[in-house]
PDB file of N, CA and C in Angstrom:
ATOM      1  N   MET A   1       0.829  -1.175   0.000  1.00  0.00           N
ATOM      2  CA  MET A   1       0.000   0.000   0.000  1.00  0.00           C
ATOM      3  C   MET A   1       0.879   1.245   0.000  1.00  0.00           C
ATOM      4  N   LYS A   2       0.594   2.160  -0.899  1.00  0.00           N
ATOM      5  CA  LYS A   2       1.389   3.376  -1.008  1.00  0.00           C
ATOM      6  C   LYS A   2       1.084   4.339   0.133  1.00  0.00           C
ATOM      7  N   GLN A   3       2.121   5.035   0.553  1.00  0.00           N
ATOM      8  CA  GLN A   3       1.990   6.073   1.571  1.00  0.00           C
ATOM      9  C   GLN A   3       1.730   7.401   0.874  1.00  0.00           C
ATOM     10  N   SER A   4       0.610   8.053   1.189  1.00  0.00           N
ATOM     11  CA  SER A   4       0.312   9.369   0.625  1.00  0.00           C
ATOM     12  C   SER A   4       1.180  10.410   1.317  1.00  0.00           C
ATOM     13  N   LEU A   5       1.656  11.380   0.535  1.00  0.00           N
ATOM     14  CA  LEU A   5       2.629  12.324   1.073  1.00  0.00           C
ATOM     15  C   LEU A   5       2.486  13.686   0.412  1.00  0.00           C
ATOM     16  N   ILE A   6       2.588  14.736   1.216  1.00  0.00           N
ATOM     17  CA  ILE A   6       2.723  16.112   0.735  1.00  0.00           C
ATOM     18  C   ILE A   6       4.066  16.597   1.256  1.00  0.00           C
ATOM     19  N   ILE A   7       4.904  17.116   0.376  1.00  0.00           N
ATOM     20  CA  ILE A   7       6.228  17.587   0.766  1.00  0.00           C
ATOM     21  C   ILE A   7       6.248  19.109   0.732  1.00  0.00           C
ATOM     22  N   ASP A   8       6.706  19.723   1.835  1.00  0.00           N
ATOM     23  CA  ASP A   8       6.918  21.162   1.920  1.00  0.00           C
ATOM     24  C   ASP A   8       8.419  21.369   2.055  1.00  0.00           C
ATOM     25  N   CYS A   9       9.012  22.118   1.138  1.00  0.00           N
ATOM     26  CA  CYS A   9      10.468  22.194   1.114  1.00  0.00           C
ATOM     27  C   CYS A   9      10.960  23.515   0.535  1.00  0.00           C
ATOM     28  N   ASP A  10      12.270  23.697   0.617  1.00  0.00           N
ATOM     29  CA  ASP A  10      12.947  24.813  -0.048  1.00  0.00           C
ATOM     30  C   ASP A  10      14.071  24.206  -0.891  1.00  0.00           C
ATOM     31  N   PRO A  11      13.722  23.692  -2.080  1.00  0.00           N
ATOM     32  CA  PRO A  11      14.655  22.874  -2.845  1.00  0.00           C
ATOM     33  C   PRO A  11      15.968  23.567  -3.207  1.00  0.00           C
ATOM     34  N   GLY A  12      16.952  23.251  -2.395  1.00  0.00           N
ATOM     35  CA  GLY A  12      18.339  23.532  -2.699  1.00  0.00           C
ATOM     36  C   GLY A  12      18.958  22.152  -2.886  1.00  0.00           C
ATOM     37  N   VAL A  13      20.146  21.951  -2.408  1.00  0.00           N
ATOM     38  CA  VAL A  13      20.815  20.666  -2.627  1.00  0.00           C
ATOM     39  C   VAL A  13      20.143  19.536  -1.850  1.00  0.00           C
ATOM     40  N   ASP A  14      19.987  19.694  -0.536  1.00  0.00           N
ATOM     41  CA  ASP A  14      19.452  18.588   0.268  1.00  0.00           C
ATOM     42  C   ASP A  14      17.986  18.301  -0.044  1.00  0.00           C
ATOM     43  N   ASP A  15      17.159  19.327  -0.138  1.00  0.00           N
ATOM     44  CA  ASP A  15      15.748  19.098  -0.448  1.00  0.00           C
ATOM     45  C   ASP A  15      15.556  18.615  -1.887  1.00  0.00           C
ATOM     46  N   ALA A  16      16.417  19.028  -2.779  1.00  0.00           N
ATOM     47  CA  ALA A  16      16.339  18.542  -4.164  1.00  0.00           C
ATOM     48  C   ALA A  16      16.584  17.038  -4.199  1.00  0.00           C
ATOM     49  N   THR A  17      17.544  16.581  -3.426  1.00  0.00           N
ATOM     50  CA  THR A  17      17.822  15.149  -3.348  1.00  0.00           C
ATOM     51  C   THR A  17      16.622  14.402  -2.778  1.00  0.00           C
ATOM     52  N   GLY A  18      16.014  14.959  -1.750  1.00  0.00           N
ATOM     53  CA  GLY A  18      14.826  14.347  -1.163  1.00  0.00           C
ATOM     54  C   GLY A  18      13.663  14.285  -2.135  1.00  0.00           C
ATOM     55  N   LEU A  19      13.459  15.368  -2.894  1.00  0.00           N
ATOM     56  CA  LEU A  19      12.381  15.383  -3.887  1.00  0.00           C
ATOM     57  C   LEU A  19      12.602  14.330  -4.959  1.00  0.00           C
ATOM     58  N   LEU A  20      13.817  14.261  -5.479  1.00  0.00           N
ATOM     59  CA  LEU A  20      14.100  13.269  -6.520  1.00  0.00           C
ATOM     60  C   LEU A  20      13.901  11.853  -5.995  1.00  0.00           C
ATOM     61  N   THR A  21      14.273  11.623  -4.748  1.00  0.00           N
ATOM     62  CA  THR A  21      14.065  10.314  -4.134  1.00  0.00           C
ATOM     63  C   THR A  21      12.574  10.004  -4.023  1.00  0.00           C
ATOM     64  N   ALA A  22      11.793  10.988  -3.593  1.00  0.00           N
ATOM     65  CA  ALA A  22      10.341  10.794  -3.474  1.00  0.00           C
ATOM     66  C   ALA A  22       9.702  10.567  -4.839  1.00  0.00           C
ATOM     67  N   PHE A  23      10.112  11.343  -5.842  1.00  0.00           N
ATOM     68  CA  PHE A  23       9.566  11.173  -7.189  1.00  0.00           C
ATOM     69  C   PHE A  23       9.855   9.770  -7.726  1.00  0.00           C
ATOM     70  N   ALA A  24      11.000   9.215  -7.365  1.00  0.00           N
ATOM     71  CA  ALA A  24      11.410   7.909  -7.889  1.00  0.00           C
ATOM     72  C   ALA A  24      10.807   6.737  -7.123  1.00  0.00           C
ATOM     73  N   SER A  25      10.262   6.991  -5.947  1.00  0.00           N
ATOM     74  CA  SER A  25       9.773   5.906  -5.100  1.00  0.00           C
ATOM     75  C   SER A  25       8.421   5.379  -5.568  1.00  0.00           C
ATOM     76  N   SER A  26       8.341   4.074  -5.713  1.00  0.00           N
ATOM     77  CA  SER A  26       7.060   3.452  -6.061  1.00  0.00           C
ATOM     78  C   SER A  26       6.212   3.212  -4.810  1.00  0.00           C
ATOM     79  N   ASP A  27       6.783   3.458  -3.629  1.00  0.00           N
ATOM     80  CA  ASP A  27       6.063   3.273  -2.369  1.00  0.00           C
ATOM     81  C   ASP A  27       5.304   4.519  -1.929  1.00  0.00           C
ATOM     82  N   LEU A  28       5.512   5.641  -2.635  1.00  0.00           N
ATOM     83  CA  LEU A  28       4.889   6.904  -2.244  1.00  0.00           C
ATOM     84  C   LEU A  28       3.878   7.368  -3.271  1.00  0.00           C
ATOM     85  N   ASP A  29       2.784   7.910  -2.782  1.00  0.00           N
ATOM     86  CA  ASP A  29       1.796   8.591  -3.612  1.00  0.00           C
ATOM     87  C   ASP A  29       1.976  10.073  -3.309  1.00  0.00           C
ATOM     88  N   LEU A  30       2.797  10.733  -4.094  1.00  0.00           N
ATOM     89  CA  LEU A  30       3.134  12.133  -3.858  1.00  0.00           C
ATOM     90  C   LEU A  30       1.974  13.003  -4.322  1.00  0.00           C
ATOM     91  N   LEU A  31       1.228  13.533  -3.364  1.00  0.00           N
ATOM     92  CA  LEU A  31       0.028  14.307  -3.660  1.00  0.00           C
ATOM     93  C   LEU A  31       0.346  15.736  -4.078  1.00  0.00           C
ATOM     94  N   ALA A  32       1.364  16.325  -3.449  1.00  0.00           N
ATOM     95  CA  ALA A  32       1.697  17.724  -3.740  1.00  0.00           C
ATOM     96  C   ALA A  32       3.093  18.035  -3.239  1.00  0.00           C
ATOM     97  N   VAL A  33       3.677  19.051  -3.845  1.00  0.00           N
ATOM     98  CA  VAL A  33       4.928  19.627  -3.370  1.00  0.00           C
ATOM     99  C   VAL A  33       4.674  21.113  -3.200  1.00  0.00           C
ATOM    100  N   THR A  34       4.911  21.615  -1.994  1.00  0.00           N
ATOM    101  CA  THR A  34       4.820  23.051  -1.747  1.00  0.00           C
ATOM    102  C   THR A  34       6.215  23.560  -1.440  1.00  0.00           C
ATOM    103  N   THR A  35       6.454  24.821  -1.763  1.00  0.00           N
ATOM    104  CA  THR A  35       7.793  25.367  -1.568  1.00  0.00           C
ATOM    105  C   THR A  35       7.735  26.673  -0.786  1.00  0.00           C
ATOM    106  N   VAL A  36       8.817  26.951  -0.095  1.00  0.00           N
ATOM    107  CA  VAL A  36       9.003  28.193   0.645  1.00  0.00           C
ATOM    108  C   VAL A  36      10.401  28.710   0.351  1.00  0.00           C
ATOM    109  N   GLY A  37      10.611  29.985   0.597  1.00  0.00           N
ATOM    110  CA  GLY A  37      11.956  30.543   0.466  1.00  0.00           C
ATOM    111  C   GLY A  37      12.851  29.980   1.557  1.00  0.00           C
ATOM    112  N   GLY A  38      14.091  29.843   1.235  1.00  0.00           N
ATOM    113  CA  GLY A  38      15.073  29.348   2.193  1.00  0.00           C
ATOM    114  C   GLY A  38      16.364  30.098   1.953  1.00  0.00           C
ATOM    115  N   ASN A  39      17.350  29.391   1.438  1.00  0.00           N
ATOM    116  CA  ASN A  39      18.609  30.040   1.084  1.00  0.00           C
ATOM    117  C   ASN A  39      18.456  30.914  -0.154  1.00  0.00           C
ATOM    118  N   VAL A  40      17.411  30.674  -0.920  1.00  0.00           N
ATOM    119  CA  VAL A  40      17.084  31.501  -2.090  1.00  0.00           C
ATOM    120  C   VAL A  40      15.610  31.886  -2.000  1.00  0.00           C
ATOM    121  N   SER A  41      15.161  32.743  -2.890  1.00  0.00           N
ATOM    122  CA  SER A  41      13.787  33.247  -2.848  1.00  0.00           C
ATOM    123  C   SER A  41      12.759  32.140  -3.093  1.00  0.00           C
ATOM    124  N   ALA A  42      11.518  32.415  -2.673  1.00  0.00           N
ATOM    125  CA  ALA A  42      10.425  31.466  -2.893  1.00  0.00           C
ATOM    126  C   ALA A  42      10.213  31.212  -4.380  1.00  0.00           C
ATOM    127  N   ALA A  43      10.390  32.239  -5.199  1.00  0.00           N
ATOM    128  CA  ALA A  43      10.227  32.065  -6.651  1.00  0.00           C
ATOM    129  C   ALA A  43      11.253  31.070  -7.196  1.00  0.00           C
ATOM    130  N   LYS A  44      12.479  31.152  -6.705  1.00  0.00           N
ATOM    131  CA  LYS A  44      13.520  30.233  -7.186  1.00  0.00           C
ATOM    132  C   LYS A  44      13.299  28.814  -6.677  1.00  0.00           C
ATOM    133  N   THR A  45      12.821  28.668  -5.441  1.00  0.00           N
ATOM    134  CA  THR A  45      12.577  27.311  -4.950  1.00  0.00           C
ATOM    135  C   THR A  45      11.409  26.668  -5.695  1.00  0.00           C
ATOM    136  N   ALA A  46      10.391  27.469  -6.046  1.00  0.00           N
ATOM    137  CA  ALA A  46       9.274  26.935  -6.840  1.00  0.00           C
ATOM    138  C   ALA A  46       9.763  26.508  -8.217  1.00  0.00           C
ATOM    139  N   ARG A  47      10.613  27.319  -8.824  1.00  0.00           N
ATOM    140  CA  ARG A  47      11.179  26.974 -10.136  1.00  0.00           C
ATOM    141  C   ARG A  47      12.005  25.698 -10.020  1.00  0.00           C
ATOM    142  N   ASN A  48      12.813  25.598  -8.987  1.00  0.00           N
ATOM    143  CA  ASN A  48      13.631  24.396  -8.787  1.00  0.00           C
ATOM    144  C   ASN A  48      12.757  23.150  -8.667  1.00  0.00           C
ATOM    145  N   ALA A  49      11.665  23.246  -7.917  1.00  0.00           N
ATOM    146  CA  ALA A  49      10.764  22.097  -7.752  1.00  0.00           C
ATOM    147  C   ALA A  49      10.135  21.700  -9.081  1.00  0.00           C
ATOM    148  N   ARG A  50       9.726  22.688  -9.877  1.00  0.00           N
ATOM    149  CA  ARG A  50       9.138  22.379 -11.195  1.00  0.00           C
ATOM    150  C   ARG A  50      10.158  21.693 -12.097  1.00  0.00           C
ATOM    151  N   ILE A  51      11.388  22.177 -12.086  1.00  0.00           N
ATOM    152  CA  ILE A  51      12.438  21.575 -12.919  1.00  0.00           C
ATOM    153  C   ILE A  51      12.711  20.139 -12.468  1.00  0.00           C
ATOM    154  N   LEU A  52      12.784  19.923 -11.159  1.00  0.00           N
ATOM    155  CA  LEU A  52      13.026  18.569 -10.647  1.00  0.00           C
ATOM    156  C   LEU A  52      11.890  17.629 -11.023  1.00  0.00           C
ATOM    157  N   ARG A  53      10.652  18.124 -10.965  1.00  0.00           N
ATOM    158  CA  ARG A  53       9.496  17.309 -11.366  1.00  0.00           C
ATOM    159  C   ARG A  53       9.613  16.918 -12.834  1.00  0.00           C
ATOM    160  N   GLN A  54      10.021  17.858 -13.670  1.00  0.00           N
ATOM    161  CA  GLN A  54      10.179  17.572 -15.099  1.00  0.00           C
ATOM    162  C   GLN A  54      11.293  16.558 -15.328  1.00  0.00           C
ATOM    163  N   ILE A  55      12.408  16.729 -14.630  1.00  0.00           N
ATOM    164  CA  ILE A  55      13.527  15.791 -14.759  1.00  0.00           C
ATOM    165  C   ILE A  55      13.081  14.381 -14.381  1.00  0.00           C
ATOM    166  N   ALA A  56      12.260  14.295 -13.329  1.00  0.00           N
ATOM    167  CA  ALA A  56      11.784  12.989 -12.854  1.00  0.00           C
ATOM    168  C   ALA A  56      10.653  12.435 -13.712  1.00  0.00           C
ATOM    169  N   GLY A  57      10.168  13.218 -14.663  1.00  0.00           N
ATOM    170  CA  GLY A  57       9.092  12.761 -15.529  1.00  0.00           C
ATOM    171  C   GLY A  57       7.753  12.673 -14.825  1.00  0.00           C
ATOM    172  N   ARG A  58       7.532  13.540 -13.855  1.00  0.00           N
ATOM    173  CA  ARG A  58       6.276  13.507 -13.072  1.00  0.00           C
ATOM    174  C   ARG A  58       5.402  14.695 -13.358  1.00  0.00           C
TER     175      ARG A  58
END
């Protein structure tokens, strides 16, 4: 049974790795990804999350 998950992150290096891992997992039902500003602006973290989603084919 898949675990449903919503991820809230600020995708830089560590969160980007976590997102890619979640996107690749067949055990997770990734319902949503939300982003906040962290080391970079909220606009950049949202862009990073969209790019990672595209790379993962999701």
